[in-house]
Amino acid sequence: MATIDILGFRHAYDLTAPTATTSPVLVFVHGWLLSRRYWQPLTDRLASNYQCLTYDLRGFGDSQADDGDSDIGHSIALNSCYTPAAYARDLEILLEKLDISNAWLVGHSLGGTIALWAASQLSDRIKGVVCINAGGGIYLKEEFERFRAVGKQLVKMRPRWLAHLPLADFVFARDSVARSIGRFWGRQRLRDFVAAHPDAALGALLDSTTEAEIHLLPQIVSQLKQPVYFIAGTKDKIMEPKYVLHLASFHWMFQGGGENVLQLDCGHLAMMEQPDAVASYLQNILKEHT
């Protein structure tokens, strides 16, 4: 793990070795209450052909303010905006500092929204986007109010001792997936769930699910000139395929039949539940466009 300062906040990242070719760098953006670690099944399969960058969003994973930093309150205050656009700005600075000028973004769930925002802001650096379990663009008031209320309670109910509760990792290994992803990853999900900074956990939830943000996303997709692909899980209860297809339909590649959408037999963590299929899809996309 390496770290880098972005607008006064320490960000953690991993960058695999450069490859012998001039292929684009694959930049992976994780989802809410997760971390960069969930991309390992994909980077293990892709790093021999593509340089891969994974990083933790501000306030998640290892991208935390130092406990001993006397300016911790000031640091958080400077980074108190958690909209997808703000996180896209963080990503823009990360790519600039690492001198990455030829990238494809791969975003999961909230990370997919951030990737789309970043692509709209950085058309010269970002050559394409793949959204995994990410969609939306339809604002259903009652459903979103219920979702936000549940999310608020979820953020509040995260005592540190939960990470040491017996069998809790089994619950997290089965949550939001079609089949268990294994106890090791259940423990990782539990650790990331507990460790997410309260401001970031709540802010990212609320700032990304306003009516204005939801309605703006299809407009962004419709304006993108880069290729954009979507991967949906047929058993995804968080982001159902119909919402993925809806957002994908605003892109010029959709062509009425969803040519830029792949549906897999999985839940909300396609990159972990179906890593071989996702890696193969990514490789085919990159071959077609490079």
Protein backbone atom coordinates (compact mmCIF):
# COMPACT_ATOMS: atom_id res chain seq x y z
CA MET A 1 0.00 0.00 0.00
CA ALA A 2 1.16 3.50 -0.88
CA THR A 3 -0.36 6.81 0.19
CA ILE A 4 -0.75 10.17 -1.51
CA ASP A 5 -2.11 13.53 -0.38
CA ILE A 6 -5.22 14.78 -2.16
CA LEU A 7 -6.53 18.16 -1.02
CA GLY A 8 -5.03 17.65 2.42
CA PHE A 9 -6.39 14.14 2.92
CA ARG A 10 -4.26 10.98 2.90
CA HIS A 11 -5.41 8.48 0.29
CA ALA A 12 -4.30 4.84 0.12
CA TYR A 13 -3.71 3.14 -3.20
CA ASP A 14 -2.07 0.14 -4.91
CA LEU A 15 -0.55 0.35 -8.38
CA THR A 16 0.63 -2.79 -10.15
CA ALA A 17 3.78 -2.86 -12.26
CA PRO A 18 3.69 -1.34 -15.75
CA THR A 19 3.23 -3.79 -18.60
CA ALA A 20 5.34 -4.11 -21.72
CA THR A 21 2.56 -2.70 -23.92
CA THR A 22 1.06 0.78 -24.14
CA SER A 23 -2.32 -0.45 -22.91
CA PRO A 24 -4.45 1.91 -20.82
CA VAL A 25 -4.24 1.82 -17.05
CA LEU A 26 -7.28 0.23 -15.42
CA VAL A 27 -8.50 2.37 -12.53
CA PHE A 28 -10.93 0.71 -10.12
CA VAL A 29 -13.38 2.71 -7.99
CA HIS A 30 -15.09 0.88 -5.11
CA GLY A 31 -18.58 1.32 -3.70
CA TRP A 32 -20.15 2.52 -0.47
CA LEU A 33 -18.78 1.06 2.79
CA LEU A 34 -16.26 -1.01 0.83
CA SER A 35 -12.59 -0.51 -0.08
CA ARG A 36 -10.02 -1.09 -2.82
CA ARG A 37 -9.45 -4.66 -1.61
CA TYR A 38 -12.52 -6.10 -3.37
CA TRP A 39 -10.85 -5.57 -6.73
CA GLN A 40 -8.11 -8.12 -5.99
CA PRO A 41 -9.91 -11.01 -7.77
CA LEU A 42 -9.92 -8.88 -10.93
CA THR A 43 -6.45 -7.37 -10.66
CA ASP A 44 -4.99 -10.84 -10.08
CA ARG A 45 -6.45 -11.82 -13.46
CA LEU A 46 -5.65 -8.62 -15.35
CA ALA A 47 -2.35 -7.27 -14.03
CA SER A 48 -0.20 -9.33 -16.40
CA ASN A 49 -1.68 -7.44 -19.36
CA TYR A 50 -2.80 -4.14 -17.86
CA GLN A 51 -1.41 -1.89 -15.17
CA CYS A 52 -4.08 -1.66 -12.46
CA LEU A 53 -4.72 1.13 -9.97
CA THR A 54 -6.97 0.58 -6.96
CA TYR A 55 -7.53 3.20 -4.28
CA ASP A 56 -9.71 3.92 -1.28
CA LEU A 57 -12.25 6.71 -1.52
CA ARG A 58 -11.86 9.54 0.99
CA GLY A 59 -13.07 8.31 4.38
CA PHE A 60 -13.19 4.62 3.44
CA GLY A 61 -10.74 1.73 3.74
CA ASP A 62 -7.27 3.05 4.55
CA SER A 63 -7.95 6.57 3.25
CA GLN A 64 -8.44 7.97 6.72
CA ALA A 65 -7.13 11.03 8.55
CA ASP A 66 -4.24 10.13 10.84
CA ASP A 67 -5.39 9.72 14.44
CA GLY A 68 -2.40 11.64 15.69
CA ASP A 69 -2.85 14.54 13.28
CA SER A 70 -3.66 17.72 15.21
CA ASP A 71 -5.32 19.05 12.06
CA ILE A 72 -7.73 16.13 11.73
CA GLY A 73 -10.81 18.32 12.22
CA HIS A 74 -9.48 20.86 9.74
CA SER A 75 -8.67 18.10 7.25
CA ILE A 76 -12.18 16.68 7.41
CA ALA A 77 -13.73 20.15 7.19
CA LEU A 78 -11.78 20.80 4.01
CA ASN A 79 -13.19 17.60 2.54
CA SER A 80 -16.75 17.75 3.85
CA CYS A 81 -18.42 17.41 0.45
CA TYR A 82 -19.21 13.82 -0.49
CA THR A 83 -21.06 14.22 -3.78
CA PRO A 84 -20.05 12.02 -6.73
CA ALA A 85 -18.62 15.17 -8.35
CA ALA A 86 -16.40 15.81 -5.32
CA TYR A 87 -15.13 12.24 -5.34
CA ALA A 88 -14.55 12.54 -9.09
CA ARG A 89 -12.42 15.61 -8.35
CA ASP A 90 -10.35 13.52 -5.90
CA LEU A 91 -9.85 10.96 -8.67
CA GLU A 92 -8.82 13.64 -11.13
CA ILE A 93 -6.07 14.82 -8.77
CA LEU A 94 -4.97 11.23 -8.13
CA LEU A 95 -4.54 10.59 -11.86
CA GLU A 96 -2.66 13.87 -12.29
CA LYS A 97 -0.27 13.11 -9.42
CA LEU A 98 0.40 9.59 -10.70
CA ASP A 99 0.82 10.92 -14.26
CA ILE A 100 -1.87 8.63 -15.69
CA SER A 101 -3.14 10.11 -18.96
CA ASN A 102 -4.62 6.99 -20.59
CA ALA A 103 -7.13 5.25 -18.34
CA TRP A 104 -10.27 3.14 -18.32
CA LEU A 105 -12.39 3.43 -15.19
CA VAL A 106 -14.11 0.44 -13.64
CA GLY A 107 -16.59 1.47 -10.95
CA HIS A 108 -18.76 -0.60 -8.63
CA SER A 109 -22.13 0.68 -7.39
CA LEU A 110 -21.47 4.22 -6.06
CA GLY A 111 -18.03 3.89 -7.66
CA GLY A 112 -19.75 3.55 -11.02
CA THR A 113 -21.50 6.87 -10.51
CA ILE A 114 -18.18 8.47 -9.54
CA ALA A 115 -16.54 6.97 -12.63
CA LEU A 116 -19.23 8.45 -14.89
CA TRP A 117 -18.77 11.87 -13.30
CA ALA A 118 -14.99 11.61 -13.70
CA ALA A 119 -15.33 10.62 -17.36
CA SER A 120 -17.45 13.72 -17.97
CA GLN A 121 -14.80 15.91 -16.37
CA LEU A 122 -11.73 14.23 -17.89
CA SER A 123 -12.53 13.26 -21.45
CA ASP A 124 -8.85 13.59 -22.42
CA ARG A 125 -7.54 11.18 -19.75
CA ILE A 126 -10.40 8.70 -19.46
CA LYS A 127 -10.95 6.61 -22.58
CA GLY A 128 -13.87 4.53 -21.36
CA VAL A 129 -15.92 3.36 -18.38
CA VAL A 130 -17.26 0.02 -17.16
CA CYS A 131 -19.96 0.23 -14.47
CA ILE A 132 -20.49 -2.83 -12.30
CA ASN A 133 -23.79 -3.17 -10.39
CA ALA A 134 -24.35 0.53 -11.05
CA GLY A 135 -27.37 2.18 -12.60
CA GLY A 136 -30.24 4.45 -11.65
CA GLY A 137 -31.63 7.70 -12.95
CA ILE A 138 -35.15 7.04 -11.66
CA TYR A 139 -36.17 8.91 -8.51
CA LEU A 140 -38.91 7.18 -6.55
CA LYS A 141 -39.54 9.47 -3.57
CA GLU A 142 -40.89 6.96 -1.05
CA GLU A 143 -38.30 4.30 -1.90
CA PHE A 144 -35.41 6.72 -1.66
CA GLU A 145 -36.66 8.17 1.60
CA ARG A 146 -36.89 4.66 3.02
CA PHE A 147 -33.44 3.77 1.65
CA ARG A 148 -31.88 6.90 3.16
CA ALA A 149 -33.54 6.30 6.52
CA VAL A 150 -32.28 2.72 6.67
CA GLY A 151 -28.82 3.90 5.58
CA LYS A 152 -28.70 6.48 8.35
CA GLN A 153 -29.46 3.84 10.95
CA LEU A 154 -26.91 1.50 9.40
CA VAL A 155 -24.18 4.15 9.67
CA LYS A 156 -25.05 4.85 13.31
CA MET A 157 -25.10 1.18 14.35
CA ARG A 158 -21.43 0.35 13.75
CA PRO A 159 -19.72 -0.24 17.12
CA ARG A 160 -16.05 -1.26 16.89
CA TRP A 161 -16.74 -4.45 18.82
CA LEU A 162 -18.93 -5.64 15.94
CA ALA A 163 -15.75 -6.59 14.06
CA HIS A 164 -15.02 -9.15 16.80
CA LEU A 165 -18.51 -10.57 17.14
CA PRO A 166 -18.48 -14.35 16.53
CA LEU A 167 -20.07 -15.44 13.25
CA ALA A 168 -20.70 -11.84 12.10
CA ASP A 169 -18.33 -12.50 9.21
CA PHE A 170 -20.65 -15.29 7.99
CA VAL A 171 -23.48 -12.76 7.78
CA PHE A 172 -21.36 -10.31 5.76
CA ALA A 173 -20.18 -13.09 3.46
CA ARG A 174 -23.80 -13.70 2.46
CA ASP A 175 -25.14 -10.16 2.44
CA SER A 176 -26.31 -8.78 -0.96
CA VAL A 177 -24.82 -11.70 -2.94
CA ALA A 178 -26.39 -14.68 -4.68
CA ARG A 179 -23.92 -17.10 -3.06
CA SER A 180 -21.51 -16.72 -0.16
CA ILE A 181 -18.23 -15.04 -1.08
CA GLY A 182 -16.40 -16.86 1.71
CA ARG A 183 -15.50 -16.13 5.30
CA PHE A 184 -12.26 -14.30 4.43
CA TRP A 185 -14.16 -11.71 2.40
CA GLY A 186 -16.91 -11.62 5.00
CA ARG A 187 -14.32 -10.52 7.56
CA GLN A 188 -13.00 -7.90 5.14
CA ARG A 189 -16.50 -6.50 4.53
CA LEU A 190 -17.07 -6.39 8.27
CA ARG A 191 -13.80 -4.52 8.86
CA ASP A 192 -14.55 -1.97 6.14
CA PHE A 193 -18.11 -1.54 7.34
CA VAL A 194 -16.95 -0.68 10.84
CA ALA A 195 -13.91 1.40 9.80
CA ALA A 196 -15.61 3.83 7.38
CA HIS A 197 -15.48 7.37 8.76
CA PRO A 198 -18.94 8.43 9.99
CA ASP A 199 -18.89 11.70 8.02
CA ALA A 200 -17.95 9.94 4.78
CA ALA A 201 -20.32 7.01 5.31
CA LEU A 202 -23.31 9.26 5.90
CA GLY A 203 -22.24 12.03 3.53
CA ALA A 204 -21.65 9.72 0.56
CA LEU A 205 -25.04 8.10 1.13
CA LEU A 206 -27.01 11.32 1.42
CA ASP A 207 -25.14 13.42 -1.14
CA SER A 208 -25.42 10.78 -3.87
CA THR A 209 -29.13 10.03 -3.45
CA THR A 210 -30.77 13.44 -3.64
CA GLU A 211 -33.45 13.96 -6.27
CA ALA A 212 -31.19 16.38 -8.11
CA GLU A 213 -28.27 13.92 -8.21
CA ILE A 214 -30.47 11.06 -9.40
CA HIS A 215 -31.95 13.11 -12.23
CA LEU A 216 -28.57 14.51 -13.26
CA LEU A 217 -26.92 11.12 -13.81
CA PRO A 218 -28.76 10.19 -17.08
CA GLN A 219 -27.82 13.61 -18.46
CA ILE A 220 -24.17 12.92 -17.76
CA VAL A 221 -24.36 9.49 -19.42
CA SER A 222 -26.08 10.92 -22.48
CA GLN A 223 -23.29 13.46 -22.98
CA LEU A 224 -20.35 11.07 -22.69
CA LYS A 225 -18.44 10.53 -25.92
CA GLN A 226 -16.36 7.67 -24.52
CA PRO A 227 -17.59 4.07 -24.66
CA VAL A 228 -19.48 3.05 -21.52
CA TYR A 229 -20.39 -0.51 -20.58
CA PHE A 230 -22.54 -1.90 -17.78
CA ILE A 231 -22.53 -5.19 -15.86
CA ALA A 232 -25.72 -6.13 -14.00
CA GLY A 233 -26.42 -8.95 -11.56
CA THR A 234 -29.64 -10.84 -12.33
CA LYS A 235 -30.06 -11.47 -8.57
CA ASP A 236 -28.96 -8.01 -7.46
CA LYS A 237 -31.55 -6.69 -4.98
CA ILE A 238 -29.73 -3.38 -4.39
CA MET A 239 -29.34 -2.33 -8.03
CA GLU A 240 -31.80 -4.39 -10.02
CA PRO A 241 -31.04 -5.02 -13.71
CA LYS A 242 -33.94 -2.81 -14.82
CA TYR A 243 -32.24 0.20 -13.25
CA VAL A 244 -28.91 -0.68 -14.86
CA LEU A 245 -30.61 -0.98 -18.24
CA HIS A 246 -32.42 2.30 -17.71
CA LEU A 247 -29.21 4.24 -17.13
CA ALA A 248 -27.39 2.42 -19.93
CA SER A 249 -30.18 3.37 -22.35
CA PHE A 250 -29.10 7.01 -22.24
CA HIS A 251 -25.71 6.19 -23.75
CA TRP A 252 -25.15 6.16 -27.51
CA MET A 253 -23.89 2.56 -27.42
CA PHE A 254 -27.18 1.16 -26.09
CA GLN A 255 -28.82 1.24 -29.53
CA GLY A 256 -32.22 0.14 -28.25
CA GLY A 257 -31.21 -3.40 -27.30
CA GLY A 258 -28.64 -3.03 -24.56
CA GLU A 259 -25.57 -3.94 -26.59
CA ASN A 260 -23.40 -2.32 -23.92
CA VAL A 261 -24.95 -4.29 -21.03
CA LEU A 262 -23.89 -7.71 -19.73
CA GLN A 263 -26.08 -9.55 -17.24
CA LEU A 264 -24.47 -12.14 -14.97
CA ASP A 265 -25.90 -14.68 -12.52
CA CYS A 266 -24.88 -12.88 -9.34
CA GLY A 267 -25.92 -10.38 -6.70
CA HIS A 268 -24.44 -6.96 -5.92
CA LEU A 269 -20.74 -7.94 -5.99
CA ALA A 270 -20.20 -9.17 -9.55
CA MET A 271 -16.43 -8.66 -9.44
CA MET A 272 -16.21 -11.11 -6.54
CA GLU A 273 -19.03 -13.49 -7.39
CA GLN A 274 -18.11 -13.84 -11.07
CA PRO A 275 -14.48 -12.66 -11.39
CA ASP A 276 -13.66 -14.83 -14.41
CA ALA A 277 -16.67 -13.58 -16.39
CA VAL A 278 -16.05 -9.94 -15.43
CA ALA A 279 -12.33 -10.17 -16.26
CA SER A 280 -13.10 -11.77 -19.62
CA TYR A 281 -15.67 -9.07 -20.41
CA LEU A 282 -13.18 -6.33 -19.55
CA GLN A 283 -10.47 -7.90 -21.69
CA ASN A 284 -12.82 -8.17 -24.67
CA ILE A 285 -13.88 -4.55 -24.28
CA LEU A 286 -10.31 -3.33 -24.09
CA LYS A 287 -9.25 -5.39 -27.09
CA GLU A 288 -12.08 -3.90 -29.11
CA HIS A 289 -11.22 -0.32 -28.23
CA THR A 290 -7.42 -0.44 -28.15
